[in-house]
Every structure is written in structure tokens, then in C-alpha cells.
PDB file of N, CA and C in Angstrom:
ATOM      1  N   MET A   1     163.669  29.149 156.098  1.00  0.00           N
ATOM      2  CA  MET A   1     164.931  29.765 156.430  1.00  0.00           C
ATOM      3  C   MET A   1     165.260  30.792 155.345  1.00  0.00           C
ATOM      4  N   SER A   2     165.645  31.974 155.761  1.00  0.00           N
ATOM      5  CA  SER A   2     166.013  33.041 154.840  1.00  0.00           C
ATOM      6  C   SER A   2     167.500  32.925 154.501  1.00  0.00           C
ATOM      7  N   GLN A   3     167.806  33.014 153.212  1.00  0.00           N
ATOM      8  CA  GLN A   3     169.176  32.887 152.731  1.00  0.00           C
ATOM      9  C   GLN A   3     169.460  34.018 151.749  1.00  0.00           C
ATOM     10  N   ALA A   4     170.721  34.399 151.649  1.00  0.00           N
ATOM     11  CA  ALA A   4     171.113  35.455 150.713  1.00  0.00           C
ATOM     12  C   ALA A   4     172.295  34.966 149.893  1.00  0.00           C
ATOM     13  N   PHE A   5     172.315  35.387 148.628  1.00  0.00           N
ATOM     14  CA  PHE A   5     173.372  35.003 147.708  1.00  0.00           C
ATOM     15  C   PHE A   5     173.835  36.216 146.922  1.00  0.00           C
ATOM     16  N   GLN A   6     175.108  36.227 146.603  1.00  0.00           N
ATOM     17  CA  GLN A   6     175.667  37.211 145.683  1.00  0.00           C
ATOM     18  C   GLN A   6     175.838  36.491 144.351  1.00  0.00           C
ATOM     19  N   VAL A   7     175.223  37.021 143.299  1.00  0.00           N
ATOM     20  CA  VAL A   7     175.253  36.378 141.989  1.00  0.00           C
ATOM     21  C   VAL A   7     175.902  37.327 140.997  1.00  0.00           C
ATOM     22  N   GLU A   8     176.943  36.868 140.322  1.00  0.00           N
ATOM     23  CA  GLU A   8     177.646  37.676 139.328  1.00  0.00           C
ATOM     24  C   GLU A   8     177.139  37.344 137.935  1.00  0.00           C
ATOM     25  N   GLY A   9     177.020  38.362 137.105  1.00  0.00           N
ATOM     26  CA  GLY A   9     176.676  38.161 135.704  1.00  0.00           C
ATOM     27  C   GLY A   9     175.242  38.508 135.342  1.00  0.00           C
ATOM     28  N   MET A  10     174.424  38.853 136.307  1.00  0.00           N
ATOM     29  CA  MET A  10     173.044  39.228 135.993  1.00  0.00           C
ATOM     30  C   MET A  10     173.004  40.686 135.558  1.00  0.00           C
ATOM     31  N   SER A  11     172.313  40.953 134.447  1.00  0.00           N
ATOM     32  CA  SER A  11     172.265  42.332 133.971  1.00  0.00           C
ATOM     33  C   SER A  11     170.905  42.757 133.423  1.00  0.00           C
ATOM     34  N   CYS A  12     169.951  41.822 133.358  1.00  0.00           N
ATOM     35  CA  CYS A  12     168.669  42.179 132.739  1.00  0.00           C
ATOM     36  C   CYS A  12     167.548  41.319 133.304  1.00  0.00           C
ATOM     37  N   GLY A  13     166.352  41.589 132.855  1.00  0.00           N
ATOM     38  CA  GLY A  13     165.189  40.839 133.298  1.00  0.00           C
ATOM     39  C   GLY A  13     165.267  39.366 132.942  1.00  0.00           C
ATOM     40  N   HIS A  14     165.860  39.062 131.794  1.00  0.00           N
ATOM     41  CA  HIS A  14     166.021  37.655 131.407  1.00  0.00           C
ATOM     42  C   HIS A  14     166.917  36.931 132.405  1.00  0.00           C
ATOM     43  N   CYS A  15     168.011  37.578 132.813  1.00  0.00           N
ATOM     44  CA  CYS A  15     168.918  36.996 133.811  1.00  0.00           C
ATOM     45  C   CYS A  15     168.156  36.726 135.108  1.00  0.00           C
ATOM     46  N   GLN A  16     167.362  37.693 135.507  1.00  0.00           N
ATOM     47  CA  GLN A  16     166.563  37.559 136.725  1.00  0.00           C
ATOM     48  C   GLN A  16     165.639  36.349 136.616  1.00  0.00           C
ATOM     49  N   GLN A  17     165.013  36.187 135.474  1.00  0.00           N
ATOM     50  CA  GLN A  17     164.098  35.076 135.254  1.00  0.00           C
ATOM     51  C   GLN A  17     164.840  33.738 135.278  1.00  0.00           C
ATOM     52  N   VAL A  18     166.009  33.669 134.661  1.00  0.00           N
ATOM     53  CA  VAL A  18     166.781  32.426 134.627  1.00  0.00           C
ATOM     54  C   VAL A  18     167.199  32.015 136.033  1.00  0.00           C
ATOM     55  N   VAL A  19     167.682  32.961 136.824  1.00  0.00           N
ATOM     56  CA  VAL A  19     168.108  32.664 138.190  1.00  0.00           C
ATOM     57  C   VAL A  19     166.905  32.231 139.031  1.00  0.00           C
ATOM     58  N   THR A  20     165.795  32.911 138.889  1.00  0.00           N
ATOM     59  CA  THR A  20     164.587  32.544 139.629  1.00  0.00           C
ATOM     60  C   THR A  20     164.131  31.133 139.256  1.00  0.00           C
ATOM     61  N   GLN A  21     164.166  30.808 137.975  1.00  0.00           N
ATOM     62  CA  GLN A  21     163.777  29.468 137.530  1.00  0.00           C
ATOM     63  C   GLN A  21     164.734  28.406 138.063  1.00  0.00           C
ATOM     64  N   ALA A  22     166.020  28.721 138.126  1.00  0.00           N
ATOM     65  CA  ALA A  22     167.000  27.771 138.660  1.00  0.00           C
ATOM     66  C   ALA A  22     166.703  27.471 140.129  1.00  0.00           C
ATOM     67  N   ILE A  23     166.363  28.509 140.879  1.00  0.00           N
ATOM     68  CA  ILE A  23     166.030  28.325 142.300  1.00  0.00           C
ATOM     69  C   ILE A  23     164.743  27.520 142.436  1.00  0.00           C
ATOM     70  N   HIS A  24     163.757  27.816 141.615  1.00  0.00           N
ATOM     71  CA  HIS A  24     162.497  27.082 141.682  1.00  0.00           C
ATOM     72  C   HIS A  24     162.641  25.638 141.213  1.00  0.00           C
ATOM     73  N   ALA A  25     163.653  25.332 140.436  1.00  0.00           N
ATOM     74  CA  ALA A  25     163.909  23.943 140.055  1.00  0.00           C
ATOM     75  C   ALA A  25     164.328  23.125 141.280  1.00  0.00           C
ATOM     76  N   VAL A  26     164.981  23.774 142.230  1.00  0.00           N
ATOM     77  CA  VAL A  26     165.372  23.120 143.486  1.00  0.00           C
ATOM     78  C   VAL A  26     164.189  23.074 144.442  1.00  0.00           C
ATOM     79  N   ASP A  27     163.500  24.192 144.569  1.00  0.00           N
ATOM     80  CA  ASP A  27     162.358  24.293 145.490  1.00  0.00           C
ATOM     81  C   ASP A  27     161.269  25.141 144.837  1.00  0.00           C
ATOM     82  N   PRO A  28     160.260  24.490 144.259  1.00  0.00           N
ATOM     83  CA  PRO A  28     159.192  25.233 143.593  1.00  0.00           C
ATOM     84  C   PRO A  28     158.432  26.197 144.509  1.00  0.00           C
ATOM     85  N   GLN A  29     158.496  25.975 145.813  1.00  0.00           N
ATOM     86  CA  GLN A  29     157.772  26.818 146.763  1.00  0.00           C
ATOM     87  C   GLN A  29     158.628  27.959 147.314  1.00  0.00           C
ATOM     88  N   ALA A  30     159.881  28.045 146.914  1.00  0.00           N
ATOM     89  CA  ALA A  30     160.787  29.076 147.445  1.00  0.00           C
ATOM     90  C   ALA A  30     160.277  30.470 147.100  1.00  0.00           C
ATOM     91  N   GLN A  31     160.460  31.387 148.045  1.00  0.00           N
ATOM     92  CA  GLN A  31     160.192  32.801 147.792  1.00  0.00           C
ATOM     93  C   GLN A  31     161.514  33.408 147.347  1.00  0.00           C
ATOM     94  N   VAL A  32     161.533  34.055 146.187  1.00  0.00           N
ATOM     95  CA  VAL A  32     162.770  34.567 145.598  1.00  0.00           C
ATOM     96  C   VAL A  32     162.635  36.053 145.311  1.00  0.00           C
ATOM     97  N   THR A  33     163.648  36.819 145.718  1.00  0.00           N
ATOM     98  CA  THR A  33     163.735  38.238 145.395  1.00  0.00           C
ATOM     99  C   THR A  33     165.101  38.486 144.793  1.00  0.00           C
ATOM    100  N   VAL A  34     165.119  38.978 143.554  1.00  0.00           N
ATOM    101  CA  VAL A  34     166.372  39.254 142.847  1.00  0.00           C
ATOM    102  C   VAL A  34     166.514  40.763 142.681  1.00  0.00           C
ATOM    103  N   THR A  35     167.661  41.303 143.094  1.00  0.00           N
ATOM    104  CA  THR A  35     167.972  42.717 142.908  1.00  0.00           C
ATOM    105  C   THR A  35     169.101  42.817 141.891  1.00  0.00           C
ATOM    106  N   LEU A  36     168.765  43.246 140.692  1.00  0.00           N
ATOM    107  CA  LEU A  36     169.762  43.299 139.617  1.00  0.00           C
ATOM    108  C   LEU A  36     170.868  44.311 139.885  1.00  0.00           C
ATOM    109  N   ASP A  37     170.529  45.438 140.509  1.00  0.00           N
ATOM    110  CA  ASP A  37     171.504  46.510 140.714  1.00  0.00           C
ATOM    111  C   ASP A  37     172.775  46.040 141.401  1.00  0.00           C
ATOM    112  N   ASN A  38     172.620  45.161 142.389  1.00  0.00           N
ATOM    113  CA  ASN A  38     173.797  44.726 143.146  1.00  0.00           C
ATOM    114  C   ASN A  38     174.032  43.220 143.095  1.00  0.00           C
ATOM    115  N   GLY A  39     173.233  42.503 142.315  1.00  0.00           N
ATOM    116  CA  GLY A  39     173.422  41.063 142.177  1.00  0.00           C
ATOM    117  C   GLY A  39     173.033  40.268 143.406  1.00  0.00           C
ATOM    118  N   HIS A  40     172.150  40.828 144.220  1.00  0.00           N
ATOM    119  CA  HIS A  40     171.749  40.180 145.472  1.00  0.00           C
ATOM    120  C   HIS A  40     170.476  39.367 145.239  1.00  0.00           C
ATOM    121  N   VAL A  41     170.482  38.129 145.751  1.00  0.00           N
ATOM    122  CA  VAL A  41     169.313  37.262 145.644  1.00  0.00           C
ATOM    123  C   VAL A  41     168.951  36.769 147.038  1.00  0.00           C
ATOM    124  N   ASP A  42     167.710  37.003 147.432  1.00  0.00           N
ATOM    125  CA  ASP A  42     167.197  36.506 148.710  1.00  0.00           C
ATOM    126  C   ASP A  42     166.259  35.344 148.428  1.00  0.00           C
ATOM    127  N   VAL A  43     166.425  34.281 149.210  1.00  0.00           N
ATOM    128  CA  VAL A  43     165.604  33.084 149.044  1.00  0.00           C
ATOM    129  C   VAL A  43     165.084  32.655 150.407  1.00  0.00           C
ATOM    130  N   VAL A  44     163.797  32.361 150.476  1.00  0.00           N
ATOM    131  CA  VAL A  44     163.224  31.779 151.680  1.00  0.00           C
ATOM    132  C   VAL A  44     162.863  30.336 151.331  1.00  0.00           C
ATOM    133  N   SER A  45     163.623  29.408 151.952  1.00  0.00           N
ATOM    134  CA  SER A  45     163.446  27.991 151.655  1.00  0.00           C
ATOM    135  C   SER A  45     164.183  27.168 152.699  1.00  0.00           C
ATOM    136  N   PRO A  46     163.695  25.958 152.987  1.00  0.00           N
ATOM    137  CA  PRO A  46     164.403  25.091 153.923  1.00  0.00           C
ATOM    138  C   PRO A  46     165.565  24.329 153.277  1.00  0.00           C
ATOM    139  N   HIS A  47     165.723  24.423 151.962  1.00  0.00           N
ATOM    140  CA  HIS A  47     166.791  23.688 151.267  1.00  0.00           C
ATOM    141  C   HIS A  47     168.166  24.270 151.593  1.00  0.00           C
ATOM    142  N   ALA A  48     169.182  23.454 151.440  1.00  0.00           N
ATOM    143  CA  ALA A  48     170.558  23.856 151.733  1.00  0.00           C
ATOM    144  C   ALA A  48     171.044  24.906 150.737  1.00  0.00           C
ATOM    145  N   PRO A  49     171.798  25.898 151.210  1.00  0.00           N
ATOM    146  CA  PRO A  49     172.325  26.937 150.322  1.00  0.00           C
ATOM    147  C   PRO A  49     173.156  26.364 149.173  1.00  0.00           C
ATOM    148  N   ASP A  50     173.905  25.305 149.433  1.00  0.00           N
ATOM    149  CA  ASP A  50     174.734  24.710 148.376  1.00  0.00           C
ATOM    150  C   ASP A  50     173.895  24.223 147.201  1.00  0.00           C
ATOM    151  N   ASP A  51     172.667  23.773 147.469  1.00  0.00           N
ATOM    152  CA  ASP A  51     171.782  23.330 146.392  1.00  0.00           C
ATOM    153  C   ASP A  51     171.456  24.488 145.456  1.00  0.00           C
ATOM    154  N   PHE A  52     171.231  25.667 146.036  1.00  0.00           N
ATOM    155  CA  PHE A  52     170.904  26.836 145.223  1.00  0.00           C
ATOM    156  C   PHE A  52     172.128  27.355 144.476  1.00  0.00           C
ATOM    157  N   VAL A  53     173.283  27.357 145.125  1.00  0.00           N
ATOM    158  CA  VAL A  53     174.516  27.789 144.459  1.00  0.00           C
ATOM    159  C   VAL A  53     174.758  26.918 143.236  1.00  0.00           C
ATOM    160  N   LEU A  54     174.643  25.609 143.384  1.00  0.00           N
ATOM    161  CA  LEU A  54     174.861  24.692 142.266  1.00  0.00           C
ATOM    162  C   LEU A  54     173.862  24.957 141.134  1.00  0.00           C
ATOM    163  N   ALA A  55     172.604  25.152 141.477  1.00  0.00           N
ATOM    164  CA  ALA A  55     171.576  25.404 140.457  1.00  0.00           C
ATOM    165  C   ALA A  55     171.841  26.713 139.717  1.00  0.00           C
ATOM    166  N   ILE A  56     172.222  27.755 140.450  1.00  0.00           N
ATOM    167  CA  ILE A  56     172.508  29.049 139.824  1.00  0.00           C
ATOM    168  C   ILE A  56     173.731  28.940 138.922  1.00  0.00           C
ATOM    169  N   GLU A  57     174.754  28.249 139.384  1.00  0.00           N
ATOM    170  CA  GLU A  57     175.959  28.093 138.571  1.00  0.00           C
ATOM    171  C   GLU A  57     175.692  27.232 137.341  1.00  0.00           C
ATOM    172  N   ASN A  58     174.845  26.219 137.465  1.00  0.00           N
ATOM    173  CA  ASN A  58     174.475  25.411 136.302  1.00  0.00           C
ATOM    174  C   ASN A  58     173.684  26.229 135.282  1.00  0.00           C
ATOM    175  N   ALA A  59     173.056  27.307 135.741  1.00  0.00           N
ATOM    176  CA  ALA A  59     172.317  28.200 134.841  1.00  0.00           C
ATOM    177  C   ALA A  59     173.238  29.215 134.164  1.00  0.00           C
ATOM    178  N   GLY A  60     174.529  29.231 134.556  1.00  0.00           N
ATOM    179  CA  GLY A  60     175.491  30.089 133.868  1.00  0.00           C
ATOM    180  C   GLY A  60     175.966  31.309 134.632  1.00  0.00           C
ATOM    181  N   TYR A  61     175.689  31.369 135.922  1.00  0.00           N
ATOM    182  CA  TYR A  61     176.087  32.525 136.726  1.00  0.00           C
ATOM    183  C   TYR A  61     176.985  32.066 137.874  1.00  0.00           C
ATOM    184  N   ARG A  62     177.792  32.976 138.386  1.00  0.00           N
ATOM    185  CA  ARG A  62     178.612  32.674 139.559  1.00  0.00           C
ATOM    186  C   ARG A  62     177.834  33.101 140.787  1.00  0.00           C
ATOM    187  N   ALA A  63     177.821  32.231 141.798  1.00  0.00           N
ATOM    188  CA  ALA A  63     177.038  32.520 142.998  1.00  0.00           C
ATOM    189  C   ALA A  63     177.807  32.094 144.238  1.00  0.00           C
ATOM    190  N   ARG A  64     177.548  32.839 145.324  1.00  0.00           N
ATOM    191  CA  ARG A  64     178.095  32.446 146.622  1.00  0.00           C
ATOM    192  C   ARG A  64     177.121  32.907 147.694  1.00  0.00           C
ATOM    193  N   PRO A  65     177.024  32.127 148.772  1.00  0.00           N
ATOM    194  CA  PRO A  65     176.171  32.549 149.882  1.00  0.00           C
ATOM    195  C   PRO A  65     176.749  33.788 150.554  1.00  0.00           C
ATOM    196  N   VAL A  66     175.878  34.639 151.044  1.00  0.00           N
ATOM    197  CA  VAL A  66     176.283  35.820 151.807  1.00  0.00           C
ATOM    198  C   VAL A  66     175.907  35.547 153.250  1.00  0.00           C
ATOM    199  N   ARG A  67     176.827  35.701 154.117  1.00  0.00           N
ATOM    200  CA  ARG A  67     176.586  35.407 155.538  1.00  0.00           C
ATOM    201  C   ARG A  67     176.324  36.662 156.308  1.00  0.00           C
TER     202      ARG A  67
END
């Protein structure tokens, strides 16, 4: 299932790596695309969006699903 998130606070490659690692902590097989310019994160995974929001927020960023 393809999911999209808006993530606030990402500004560099390190941020991108932290968010990607947070998502992979939930689902190691997830396909993740992070766009720093607009804070958009696309995830392909069968896991619930709330699981990813919680993981991203635990990593120090604000996140919300985009519908």
C-alpha cells in the first residue's frame, strides 16, 4: 500500500537518513522516498500509517499522513 506523509523539521541529508531509519524500524522492507524540499515522504508498506507517524515523531520530527 502506498502512503504519503508530511514531515516537518527535515532540512538535510542526516534528517532524511533518520526518517528513513525510523520507517525501516517499523518495516525493514518498506520502500521510502524522502523529498527534503517540501517535507514529503512516500512509503510503500502494508503497515498502518499511524505506526509510521509514531516512529517519525519518536525520531524528533512532526509527521502527519497526507490523504
